[in-house]
Amino acid sequence: MTMTERLQRLTALRQERAAKWDTARTFLDSKTHNGRMSEADAAKYEAMEKKLTDLGSDIARLERANEMEAAMNAAGNPILGEPHSGKAAGTGTASASYKQAFWDAIRNKHYTAAVQNALQVGTDSEGGYLVPDEFERQLIEALEDENVFRTLATVITTASGDRKIPIVSDKGEASWIDEEGTFPLSDDTFGQKSLGAYKVGTALKVSTELLNDAAFDLEAYISKEFGRRLGTKEEEAFWVGDGKSKPTGIFNATDGAETGVTAASASVTFDDMLELYHSLKSPYRKNGTWAMNDATIKALRKVKDTTGQYIWQPSVVAGALASGKTGIAFGDFSYYWIGDRQGITFKRLDELFSMTGQVGFLASKRVDGKLILPEAVKLLAVK
């Protein structure tokens, strides 16, 4: 079995293990009552655990084989770490050799067999290449610069498949009991939210002259431009996405936040803001954040007291709240989960724009987002 075949097998095993763990976890939660399970259910769950353990052993065995092969292939090659740093070179998409091969391929379509061999580690199923780990961190940072929502939400990374998030949709409660009375049964109700992976991508063109200019910082340009484009499109979906081929936004009518207050008119008052604040359960308020667009901020900053002074200082900024719209959100946005599918993919297009002396580049990633607890964020709607 080649390293590529082992990597494919590893992916399949990890997906299988993740799916079986989701099944086992659901079984455990549904069959456990007051910390106990029946003997039959316990036996079934132990069998599930054994299968997970066996899959873990198979995965570890293949990972060790790949590490050994990589070490043998590297024998005799120059040390890639910093002198006297005590750190060995990374492996896979984190290695210096992969980073060099990646940028050689991006800059020049006539790359060597050695470059092609190095890039096999990060070959995407659609013909592109996973970006080097170091560069992916730069892109993620660029996404956060463009994307305010990511700084508020909970961000996780998933390898493959749907990520199922268990939630308690209804909590049990205690009761007063007469002496020698029967304890009432009051169980928590469990539910699930699932994060998938929707594809977002963009393309840009660079002239061949600029591409071959050693003074042109291609890495910085691509990081900034792709980060801006992907971040802007993500931001839009996290707020108003409808869940169809894109994440589900906070303001979406289905699976979005709950409406806490409906203002009587488009002239939102500070009384409406107070009503919205108190419509949110107090545990969520301590980490609560207000979110609104510029038009809504403008409407609020126009509110004056009885002496004609603006209540909110400084005064008006650019941006109007309209009837029938939902313009303000308040709540704990950490209950909005963003699932990044690991790996941002690049692809070079040599022939498509060759008549104009340009080279095209595609960048794509897979991501999903969803508010896992709707009561954690409340909306103010306008009548």
Protein backbone atom coordinates (compact mmCIF):
# COMPACT_ATOMS: atom_id res chain seq x y z
CA MET A 1 0.00 0.00 0.00
CA THR A 2 1.41 3.39 -1.02
CA MET A 3 1.39 6.46 1.21
CA THR A 4 -1.41 7.96 -0.91
CA GLU A 5 -3.51 4.80 -0.50
CA ARG A 6 -2.86 4.80 3.23
CA LEU A 7 -3.96 8.43 3.44
CA GLN A 8 -7.17 7.58 1.62
CA ARG A 9 -7.74 4.63 3.94
CA LEU A 10 -7.04 6.85 6.97
CA THR A 11 -9.67 9.33 5.82
CA ALA A 12 -12.22 6.55 5.41
CA LEU A 13 -11.43 5.10 8.84
CA ARG A 14 -11.67 8.48 10.55
CA GLN A 15 -15.04 9.10 8.93
CA GLU A 16 -16.24 5.67 10.02
CA ARG A 17 -15.03 6.26 13.60
CA ALA A 18 -16.72 9.68 13.76
CA ALA A 19 -20.01 8.21 12.55
CA LYS A 20 -19.86 5.31 15.02
CA TRP A 21 -19.06 7.68 17.88
CA ASP A 22 -22.11 9.81 17.01
CA THR A 23 -24.23 6.64 17.13
CA ALA A 24 -22.67 5.45 20.40
CA ARG A 25 -23.01 8.85 22.07
CA THR A 26 -26.68 9.11 21.10
CA PHE A 27 -27.29 5.57 22.40
CA LEU A 28 -25.49 6.35 25.68
CA ASP A 29 -27.49 9.55 26.26
CA SER A 30 -30.84 7.97 25.44
CA LYS A 31 -30.31 4.77 27.47
CA THR A 32 -28.79 6.28 30.61
CA HIS A 33 -31.23 7.11 33.38
CA ASN A 34 -30.06 8.47 36.73
CA GLY A 35 -26.53 7.49 35.78
CA ARG A 36 -27.39 3.82 35.11
CA MET A 37 -28.07 1.57 32.12
CA SER A 38 -29.75 -1.80 31.86
CA GLU A 39 -27.47 -4.82 31.51
CA ALA A 40 -28.56 -5.38 27.90
CA ASP A 41 -27.97 -1.74 26.94
CA ALA A 42 -24.63 -1.71 28.77
CA ALA A 43 -23.52 -4.76 26.77
CA LYS A 44 -24.52 -3.07 23.50
CA TYR A 45 -22.66 0.09 24.43
CA GLU A 46 -19.51 -1.84 25.42
CA ALA A 47 -19.59 -3.52 21.99
CA MET A 48 -19.77 -0.05 20.40
CA GLU A 49 -16.81 1.10 22.53
CA LYS A 50 -14.76 -1.93 21.44
CA LYS A 51 -15.40 -1.14 17.78
CA LEU A 52 -14.27 2.44 18.35
CA THR A 53 -11.14 1.21 20.13
CA ASP A 54 -10.36 -1.20 17.27
CA LEU A 55 -10.80 1.57 14.71
CA GLY A 56 -8.48 3.78 16.77
CA SER A 57 -5.82 1.04 16.71
CA ASP A 58 -6.15 0.68 12.92
CA ILE A 59 -5.82 4.44 12.47
CA ALA A 60 -2.78 4.65 14.76
CA ARG A 61 -1.11 1.76 12.89
CA LEU A 62 -1.52 3.47 9.50
CA GLU A 63 -0.34 6.81 10.93
CA ARG A 64 2.83 5.15 12.27
CA ALA A 65 3.44 3.55 8.88
CA ASN A 66 3.15 6.90 7.12
CA GLU A 67 5.48 8.55 9.64
CA MET A 68 8.01 5.78 9.15
CA GLU A 69 7.85 6.04 5.35
CA ALA A 70 8.20 9.81 5.50
CA ALA A 71 11.26 9.45 7.75
CA MET A 72 12.82 6.89 5.39
CA ASN A 73 12.16 9.09 2.35
CA ALA A 74 13.77 12.01 4.13
CA ALA A 75 16.96 10.06 4.91
CA GLY A 76 19.90 11.73 3.26
CA ASN A 77 18.02 14.98 2.56
CA PRO A 78 19.26 18.23 4.12
CA ILE A 79 17.83 19.24 7.51
CA LEU A 80 15.04 21.75 6.98
CA GLY A 81 14.77 23.10 10.54
CA GLU A 82 16.52 26.20 11.83
CA PRO A 83 20.16 25.60 12.95
CA HIS A 84 20.39 24.59 16.60
CA SER A 85 16.67 25.16 17.03
CA GLY A 86 16.10 21.61 18.21
CA LYS A 87 12.94 21.45 16.08
CA ALA A 88 12.51 18.90 13.31
CA ALA A 89 10.85 19.85 10.03
CA GLY A 90 7.09 19.46 9.90
CA THR A 91 5.37 16.74 7.94
CA GLY A 92 2.61 16.80 5.33
CA THR A 93 1.19 20.22 4.53
CA ALA A 94 3.14 21.67 7.48
CA SER A 95 6.55 20.77 5.99
CA ALA A 96 8.92 23.30 4.44
CA SER A 97 9.25 21.09 1.35
CA TYR A 98 5.49 21.15 0.77
CA LYS A 99 5.37 24.93 1.21
CA GLN A 100 8.15 25.39 -1.35
CA ALA A 101 6.54 22.98 -3.81
CA PHE A 102 3.14 24.66 -3.39
CA TRP A 103 4.41 28.14 -4.26
CA ASP A 104 6.56 26.79 -7.11
CA ALA A 105 3.39 25.26 -8.56
CA ILE A 106 1.41 28.47 -8.06
CA ARG A 107 4.04 30.66 -9.75
CA ASN A 108 5.06 28.34 -12.59
CA LYS A 109 2.99 25.80 -14.52
CA HIS A 110 6.14 23.97 -15.69
CA TYR A 111 7.02 22.48 -12.33
CA THR A 112 9.20 19.41 -11.92
CA ALA A 113 8.39 15.83 -11.02
CA ALA A 114 9.85 16.47 -7.55
CA VAL A 115 7.34 19.26 -7.01
CA GLN A 116 4.50 17.04 -8.21
CA ASN A 117 5.55 14.28 -5.82
CA ALA A 118 5.67 16.69 -2.89
CA LEU A 119 2.22 18.05 -3.69
CA GLN A 120 0.62 14.59 -3.58
CA VAL A 121 0.39 14.99 0.20
CA GLY A 122 -2.12 17.80 -0.16
CA THR A 123 -3.97 16.90 -3.36
CA ASP A 124 -7.64 17.79 -3.16
CA SER A 125 -10.35 15.54 -4.59
CA GLU A 126 -11.29 18.25 -7.09
CA GLY A 127 -7.80 18.67 -8.51
CA GLY A 128 -6.55 21.53 -6.39
CA TYR A 129 -4.01 21.60 -3.57
CA LEU A 130 -4.51 22.18 0.14
CA VAL A 131 -2.69 25.33 1.17
CA PRO A 132 0.34 24.95 3.49
CA ASP A 133 -0.57 25.04 7.19
CA GLU A 134 1.31 28.28 7.81
CA PHE A 135 -0.47 30.01 4.92
CA GLU A 136 -3.85 28.65 6.04
CA ARG A 137 -3.34 30.40 9.38
CA GLN A 138 -2.70 33.65 7.49
CA LEU A 139 -5.94 33.15 5.55
CA ILE A 140 -7.91 32.41 8.71
CA GLU A 141 -6.54 35.57 10.29
CA ALA A 142 -7.59 37.47 7.17
CA LEU A 143 -11.07 35.98 7.48
CA GLU A 144 -11.29 37.21 11.07
CA ASP A 145 -10.20 40.70 10.03
CA GLU A 146 -13.02 40.84 7.48
CA ASN A 147 -15.49 38.86 9.55
CA VAL A 148 -16.67 40.33 12.86
CA PHE A 149 -19.01 37.40 13.45
CA ARG A 150 -16.13 34.93 13.89
CA THR A 151 -14.86 36.87 16.90
CA LEU A 152 -18.25 36.40 18.63
CA ALA A 153 -19.13 32.84 17.62
CA THR A 154 -17.74 29.44 18.63
CA VAL A 155 -15.49 28.15 15.84
CA ILE A 156 -14.64 24.46 15.50
CA THR A 157 -12.73 22.47 12.88
CA THR A 158 -14.14 19.23 11.49
CA ALA A 159 -12.26 16.66 9.44
CA SER A 160 -15.17 15.25 7.45
CA GLY A 161 -18.84 14.38 7.61
CA ASP A 162 -21.56 16.19 9.54
CA ARG A 163 -20.78 17.35 13.07
CA LYS A 164 -23.69 16.55 15.37
CA ILE A 165 -24.00 18.81 18.42
CA PRO A 166 -26.07 17.42 21.33
CA ILE A 167 -28.25 19.99 23.08
CA VAL A 168 -30.70 19.94 25.99
CA SER A 169 -33.94 21.29 24.53
CA ASP A 170 -36.02 20.95 27.71
CA LYS A 171 -34.69 20.74 31.28
CA GLY A 172 -36.12 18.63 34.09
CA GLU A 173 -37.07 20.25 37.38
CA ALA A 174 -37.41 19.43 41.08
CA SER A 175 -40.74 19.25 42.96
CA TRP A 176 -41.96 19.51 46.53
CA ILE A 177 -42.84 16.04 47.88
CA ASP A 178 -44.97 14.98 50.80
CA GLU A 179 -43.41 12.74 53.44
CA GLU A 180 -43.01 9.26 51.95
CA GLY A 181 -44.41 10.65 48.70
CA THR A 182 -43.40 9.46 45.25
CA PHE A 183 -40.58 11.26 43.47
CA PRO A 184 -41.92 12.66 40.19
CA LEU A 185 -39.94 11.70 37.08
CA SER A 186 -38.66 14.77 35.23
CA ASP A 187 -36.08 14.01 32.56
CA ASP A 188 -34.11 16.37 30.40
CA THR A 189 -35.08 16.29 26.72
CA PHE A 190 -32.12 15.94 24.40
CA GLY A 191 -31.90 17.11 20.82
CA GLN A 192 -29.27 17.61 18.14
CA LYS A 193 -28.07 20.26 15.75
CA SER A 194 -26.00 19.22 12.78
CA LEU A 195 -23.24 21.21 11.06
CA GLY A 196 -22.52 20.20 7.48
CA ALA A 197 -20.12 21.78 5.00
CA TYR A 198 -21.16 24.28 2.35
CA LYS A 199 -18.66 25.34 -0.30
CA VAL A 200 -17.73 28.98 -0.75
CA GLY A 201 -15.20 29.99 -3.40
CA THR A 202 -13.85 32.76 -5.57
CA ALA A 203 -11.51 33.27 -8.52
CA LEU A 204 -9.01 35.98 -9.40
CA LYS A 205 -6.62 36.71 -12.26
CA VAL A 206 -2.96 37.75 -12.18
CA SER A 207 -0.88 38.76 -15.22
CA THR A 208 1.94 36.38 -16.11
CA GLU A 209 4.43 39.26 -15.94
CA LEU A 210 3.44 40.10 -12.38
CA LEU A 211 3.38 36.43 -11.44
CA ASN A 212 6.96 35.94 -12.62
CA ASP A 213 8.20 39.11 -10.93
CA ALA A 214 10.22 38.01 -7.90
CA ALA A 215 9.51 41.36 -6.21
CA PHE A 216 5.75 40.72 -6.27
CA ASP A 217 4.61 39.28 -2.92
CA LEU A 218 2.13 36.78 -4.32
CA GLU A 219 1.58 35.11 -0.95
CA ALA A 220 0.54 38.34 0.79
CA TYR A 221 -1.65 39.46 -2.12
CA ILE A 222 -3.56 36.18 -2.37
CA SER A 223 -3.97 35.93 1.41
CA LYS A 224 -5.43 39.44 1.65
CA GLU A 225 -7.67 39.26 -1.42
CA PHE A 226 -9.01 35.75 -0.92
CA GLY A 227 -9.45 36.45 2.80
CA ARG A 228 -11.45 39.59 2.05
CA ARG A 229 -13.74 37.87 -0.45
CA LEU A 230 -14.38 34.70 1.53
CA GLY A 231 -14.76 36.62 4.79
CA THR A 232 -17.34 39.02 3.34
CA LYS A 233 -19.46 36.20 1.92
CA GLU A 234 -19.27 34.24 5.18
CA GLU A 235 -20.25 37.30 7.19
CA GLU A 236 -23.37 37.76 5.08
CA ALA A 237 -24.40 34.12 5.51
CA PHE A 238 -23.83 34.06 9.29
CA TRP A 239 -26.23 36.99 9.63
CA VAL A 240 -28.92 36.40 6.98
CA GLY A 241 -28.16 33.02 5.33
CA ASP A 242 -31.22 30.87 4.59
CA GLY A 243 -29.52 27.50 5.12
CA LYS A 244 -29.87 26.58 1.42
CA SER A 245 -26.36 25.79 0.12
CA LYS A 246 -25.06 28.18 2.75
CA PRO A 247 -24.99 28.54 6.57
CA THR A 248 -28.14 29.52 8.49
CA GLY A 249 -28.03 33.11 9.72
CA ILE A 250 -29.07 34.65 13.02
CA PHE A 251 -31.83 36.67 11.31
CA ASN A 252 -33.26 33.76 9.30
CA ALA A 253 -36.89 32.96 10.12
CA THR A 254 -36.15 29.21 10.34
CA ASP A 255 -33.49 27.99 12.81
CA GLY A 256 -32.45 31.58 13.52
CA ALA A 257 -32.81 33.60 16.70
CA GLU A 258 -36.16 34.14 18.43
CA THR A 259 -38.07 37.41 18.18
CA GLY A 260 -38.05 39.01 21.62
CA VAL A 261 -39.82 42.31 20.92
CA THR A 262 -41.88 43.82 18.10
CA ALA A 263 -41.63 47.60 17.98
CA ALA A 264 -44.85 49.50 17.34
CA SER A 265 -43.35 51.58 14.53
CA ALA A 266 -40.17 52.14 12.56
CA SER A 267 -39.18 54.80 15.12
CA VAL A 268 -37.46 52.48 17.55
CA THR A 269 -37.27 53.85 21.08
CA PHE A 270 -34.94 53.12 23.96
CA ASP A 271 -37.93 51.54 25.69
CA ASP A 272 -37.90 48.98 22.87
CA MET A 273 -34.22 48.38 23.54
CA LEU A 274 -34.91 47.78 27.23
CA GLU A 275 -37.73 45.39 26.35
CA LEU A 276 -35.36 43.49 24.06
CA TYR A 277 -32.68 43.35 26.76
CA HIS A 278 -35.07 41.87 29.30
CA SER A 279 -36.66 39.46 26.82
CA LEU A 280 -33.37 37.54 26.96
CA LYS A 281 -32.96 35.15 29.89
CA SER A 282 -30.57 36.61 32.46
CA PRO A 283 -27.86 33.88 32.14
CA TYR A 284 -27.29 34.92 28.52
CA ARG A 285 -27.08 38.63 29.28
CA LYS A 286 -23.68 38.53 31.02
CA ASN A 287 -22.02 37.66 27.71
CA GLY A 288 -24.59 39.52 25.62
CA THR A 289 -23.63 41.55 22.57
CA TRP A 290 -25.72 44.07 20.66
CA ALA A 291 -25.70 43.71 16.88
CA MET A 292 -27.29 46.04 14.34
CA ASN A 293 -26.50 47.58 10.98
CA ASP A 294 -25.57 51.19 10.29
CA ALA A 295 -29.12 52.18 9.34
CA THR A 296 -30.42 51.01 12.72
CA ILE A 297 -27.60 52.77 14.58
CA LYS A 298 -28.54 55.95 12.73
CA ALA A 299 -32.18 55.62 13.82
CA LEU A 300 -31.17 55.11 17.46
CA ARG A 301 -28.69 57.96 17.47
CA LYS A 302 -31.44 60.31 16.32
CA VAL A 303 -33.44 59.68 19.50
CA LYS A 304 -33.47 62.86 21.66
CA ASP A 305 -34.47 63.66 25.21
CA THR A 306 -37.00 66.32 26.24
CA THR A 307 -34.39 69.05 25.93
CA GLY A 308 -33.56 68.14 22.35
CA GLN A 309 -30.21 66.51 23.20
CA TYR A 310 -29.20 63.25 21.59
CA ILE A 311 -29.43 60.42 24.13
CA TRP A 312 -26.73 58.40 22.42
CA GLN A 313 -23.47 60.30 22.03
CA PRO A 314 -21.73 61.00 19.73
CA SER A 315 -24.41 62.15 17.33
CA VAL A 316 -25.70 60.75 14.04
CA VAL A 317 -23.55 58.64 11.71
CA ALA A 318 -24.21 57.37 8.21
CA GLY A 319 -26.77 54.80 7.55
CA ALA A 320 -33.12 53.79 8.36
CA LEU A 321 -34.96 51.13 9.91
CA ALA A 322 -37.98 49.98 7.87
CA SER A 323 -41.34 48.50 8.75
CA GLY A 324 -41.52 44.73 8.59
CA LYS A 325 -37.78 44.34 9.10
CA THR A 326 -35.73 42.82 11.89
CA GLY A 327 -32.89 45.18 12.61
CA ILE A 328 -31.44 44.49 16.08
CA ALA A 329 -30.10 41.38 17.78
CA PHE A 330 -28.98 40.98 21.37
CA GLY A 331 -27.63 37.86 23.01
CA ASP A 332 -24.75 35.48 23.59
CA PHE A 333 -23.39 34.83 20.11
CA SER A 334 -21.08 32.07 21.37
CA TYR A 335 -24.12 29.80 20.94
CA TYR A 336 -23.73 30.29 17.20
CA TRP A 337 -21.32 27.57 16.08
CA ILE A 338 -19.18 27.80 12.95
CA GLY A 339 -17.80 24.53 11.59
CA ASP A 340 -14.74 24.87 9.33
CA ARG A 341 -14.03 21.80 7.22
CA GLN A 342 -10.28 21.39 7.52
CA GLY A 343 -8.30 22.65 4.55
CA ILE A 344 -8.52 25.62 2.17
CA THR A 345 -7.98 24.58 -1.44
CA PHE A 346 -6.18 26.43 -4.24
CA LYS A 347 -6.24 25.64 -7.93
CA ARG A 348 -4.31 27.24 -10.78
CA LEU A 349 -5.95 27.86 -14.20
CA ASP A 350 -3.34 28.16 -16.94
CA GLU A 351 -5.25 27.98 -20.21
CA LEU A 352 -8.55 29.79 -19.51
CA PHE A 353 -7.05 33.30 -19.59
CA SER A 354 -3.90 32.62 -21.63
CA MET A 355 -5.13 34.75 -24.58
CA THR A 356 -5.00 37.82 -22.34
CA GLY A 357 -1.66 36.93 -20.75
CA GLN A 358 -3.18 36.10 -17.39
CA VAL A 359 -3.31 33.17 -14.98
CA GLY A 360 -6.41 32.39 -12.94
CA PHE A 361 -6.55 31.11 -9.38
CA LEU A 362 -9.43 29.48 -7.54
CA ALA A 363 -9.78 29.35 -3.76
CA SER A 364 -12.48 27.46 -1.91
CA LYS A 365 -13.32 26.21 1.55
CA ARG A 366 -16.18 24.36 3.19
CA VAL A 367 -17.97 25.86 6.18
CA ASP A 368 -21.32 25.78 7.97
CA GLY A 369 -22.83 27.84 10.75
CA LYS A 370 -25.94 27.56 12.91
CA LEU A 371 -27.41 28.96 16.10
CA ILE A 372 -27.58 25.84 18.26
CA LEU A 373 -29.71 27.42 20.99
CA PRO A 374 -32.25 29.92 19.56
CA GLU A 375 -33.18 31.31 22.98
CA ALA A 376 -29.61 32.60 23.45
CA VAL A 377 -30.18 35.48 21.01
CA LYS A 378 -33.28 37.69 20.78
CA LEU A 379 -34.37 39.92 17.87
CA LEU A 380 -36.22 43.21 17.70
CA ALA A 381 -38.69 43.28 14.82
CA VAL A 382 -40.54 46.30 13.45
CA LYS A 383 -44.33 46.13 13.04
